[in-house]
Protein backbone atom coordinates (compact mmCIF):
# COMPACT_ATOMS: atom_id res chain seq x y z
CA MET A 1 59.85 22.51 -60.40
CA ARG A 2 57.09 25.08 -60.31
CA ILE A 3 55.08 23.11 -57.75
CA ILE A 4 58.12 23.01 -55.44
CA LEU A 5 58.38 26.82 -55.61
CA ILE A 6 54.68 27.12 -54.81
CA ILE A 7 55.00 24.76 -51.84
CA LEU A 8 58.11 26.54 -50.56
CA GLY A 9 56.40 29.92 -50.96
CA TYR A 10 53.37 28.66 -49.07
CA LEU A 11 55.48 27.21 -46.25
CA GLY A 12 57.45 30.47 -46.03
CA TRP A 13 54.20 32.40 -45.72
CA HIS A 14 52.62 29.87 -43.34
CA TYR A 15 55.54 29.75 -40.91
CA GLY A 16 56.65 33.37 -41.34
CA LYS A 17 54.24 36.15 -42.27
CA ALA A 18 51.10 34.33 -41.14
CA ILE A 19 52.40 33.73 -37.62
CA ILE A 20 53.34 37.39 -37.31
CA ALA A 21 49.90 38.41 -38.61
CA LEU A 22 48.22 35.96 -36.22
CA SER A 23 50.14 37.48 -33.31
CA ILE A 24 49.03 40.98 -34.31
CA ILE A 25 45.42 39.81 -34.64
CA TRP A 26 45.62 38.17 -31.20
CA LYS A 27 46.97 41.38 -29.67
CA ASN A 28 44.03 43.21 -31.24
CA PHE A 29 41.62 40.67 -29.71
CA LEU A 30 43.12 41.29 -26.28
CA ASN A 31 42.91 45.07 -26.73
CA PHE A 32 39.30 44.73 -27.90
CA ILE A 33 38.28 42.69 -24.85
CA PHE A 34 39.96 45.16 -22.52
CA GLU A 35 38.18 48.09 -24.18
CA TYR A 36 34.86 46.27 -24.66
CA PHE A 37 34.51 45.60 -20.96
CA SER A 38 35.99 49.05 -20.11
CA ILE A 39 38.07 47.50 -17.37
CA LYS A 40 40.18 50.62 -16.77
CA SER A 41 37.09 52.84 -16.62
CA LEU A 42 35.34 50.43 -14.27
CA PHE A 43 38.29 50.53 -11.87
CA LEU A 44 38.46 54.33 -12.01
CA ASN A 45 34.74 54.69 -11.23
CA PHE A 46 34.46 51.71 -8.89
CA PHE A 47 32.74 53.55 -6.01
CA ASP A 48 30.47 55.77 -8.10
CA PRO A 49 26.70 55.26 -7.94
CA TRP A 50 25.23 52.88 -10.48
CA LYS A 51 23.98 54.70 -13.60
CA ARG A 52 24.65 58.00 -11.78
CA MET A 53 21.53 57.48 -9.69
CA SER A 54 21.58 59.32 -6.41
CA ASP A 55 19.28 61.16 -4.09
CA ASN A 56 19.91 64.77 -3.18
CA TYR A 57 20.29 65.68 0.45
CA PRO A 58 17.74 68.17 1.82
CA LYS A 59 18.66 71.86 1.78
CA PHE A 60 17.33 72.33 5.27
CA PHE A 61 18.15 69.82 7.96
CA ASN A 62 15.44 67.20 8.20
CA LEU A 63 16.65 64.02 9.88
CA LYS A 64 14.17 61.72 8.15
CA GLU A 65 14.91 63.03 4.64
CA TYR A 66 18.65 63.13 5.35
CA PHE A 67 18.74 59.43 6.38
CA TYR A 68 16.48 58.52 3.45
CA ALA A 69 18.94 60.16 1.04
CA LEU A 70 21.91 58.60 2.85
CA ILE A 71 20.48 55.07 2.75
CA THR A 72 19.43 55.48 -0.89
CA ASN A 73 22.90 56.69 -1.88
CA ILE A 74 24.60 53.86 0.03
CA ILE A 75 22.38 51.27 -1.67
CA VAL A 76 22.97 52.75 -5.13
CA ARG A 77 26.74 52.81 -4.55
CA GLY A 78 26.57 49.21 -3.32
CA VAL A 79 24.73 48.18 -6.46
CA GLY A 80 27.37 50.03 -8.49
CA ILE A 81 30.18 48.20 -6.73
CA ILE A 82 28.48 44.82 -7.26
CA MET A 83 27.75 45.45 -10.94
CA ARG A 84 31.22 46.84 -11.66
CA SER A 85 32.80 43.89 -9.83
CA ALA A 86 30.80 41.47 -11.95
CA LEU A 87 31.76 43.26 -15.15
CA ILE A 88 35.42 43.41 -14.16
CA ILE A 89 35.45 39.70 -13.31
CA ALA A 90 33.70 38.78 -16.58
CA GLY A 91 36.12 40.95 -18.56
CA LEU A 92 39.16 39.50 -16.85
CA ILE A 93 37.90 35.93 -17.39
CA CYS A 94 37.41 36.63 -21.11
CA TYR A 95 40.82 38.30 -21.29
CA ILE A 96 42.57 35.39 -19.55
CA LEU A 97 40.79 32.76 -21.67
CA THR A 98 41.71 34.61 -24.85
CA ALA A 99 45.32 34.92 -23.71
CA LEU A 100 45.47 31.22 -22.80
CA LEU A 101 44.02 30.15 -26.16
CA TYR A 102 46.86 31.85 -28.06
CA PRO A 103 49.46 29.06 -27.55
CA LEU A 104 46.88 26.44 -28.53
CA ILE A 105 46.01 28.32 -31.72
CA ILE A 106 49.71 28.73 -32.58
CA VAL A 107 50.38 25.01 -32.08
CA CYS A 108 47.37 24.13 -34.24
CA TRP A 109 48.56 26.57 -36.91
CA LEU A 110 52.06 25.07 -36.87
CA ILE A 111 50.88 21.47 -37.31
CA LEU A 112 48.12 22.31 -39.81
CA PRO A 113 50.21 21.53 -42.95
CA ILE A 114 51.19 18.16 -41.47
CA ILE A 115 47.55 17.36 -40.74
CA ILE A 116 46.53 18.34 -44.29
CA ILE A 117 49.24 16.17 -45.84
CA ALA A 118 48.28 13.26 -43.57
CA LEU A 119 44.58 13.58 -44.48
CA ILE A 120 45.35 13.76 -48.20
CA SER A 121 47.61 10.69 -47.88
CA VAL A 122 44.91 8.75 -46.01
CA GLY A 123 42.34 9.77 -48.63
CA ILE A 124 44.57 8.62 -51.49
CA LEU A 125 45.26 5.31 -49.71
CA LEU A 126 41.51 4.79 -49.17
CA ILE A 127 40.84 5.51 -52.85
CA ILE A 128 43.56 3.07 -53.97
CA LYS A 129 42.27 0.26 -51.75
C-alpha cells in the first residue's frame, strides 16, 4: 500500500509540479538568452560606431582632414552595423532553437516514466532468461 502512495505521489509531482517548474525554467532560459545577447540594446544602438570609435572633425575647415574623418566614421559605423547584425542574428538563432526545443523536452519528460518502466521490465526479463 505504501509503495502505491509513493508511486502516485511521484506521478503527481512528475506530471504536475515538475512540468510547471520546467516551464518556468524554460522561460528563464529564453530571458537569459535575450539579455545575454543584449538584443534590445543592439537594436537601439544599431547605427552607432563600433566600440564608440570615431574620429573628430577638424575645428577649422580643412577638406583633407574633414574627408578623412568622414570616411573613418563611415567605416566604423559600417563595422558596427555588421557586428551588431551578426550578434543579433546569433542571438535570435539561439533564442529560436531554445524555443523550439521546449516541446521536445516536454514530450521526453512526459514519456520518461514509461521509458523507465520499459527498461526495468526488459532488464528483469534479461535477468530471468
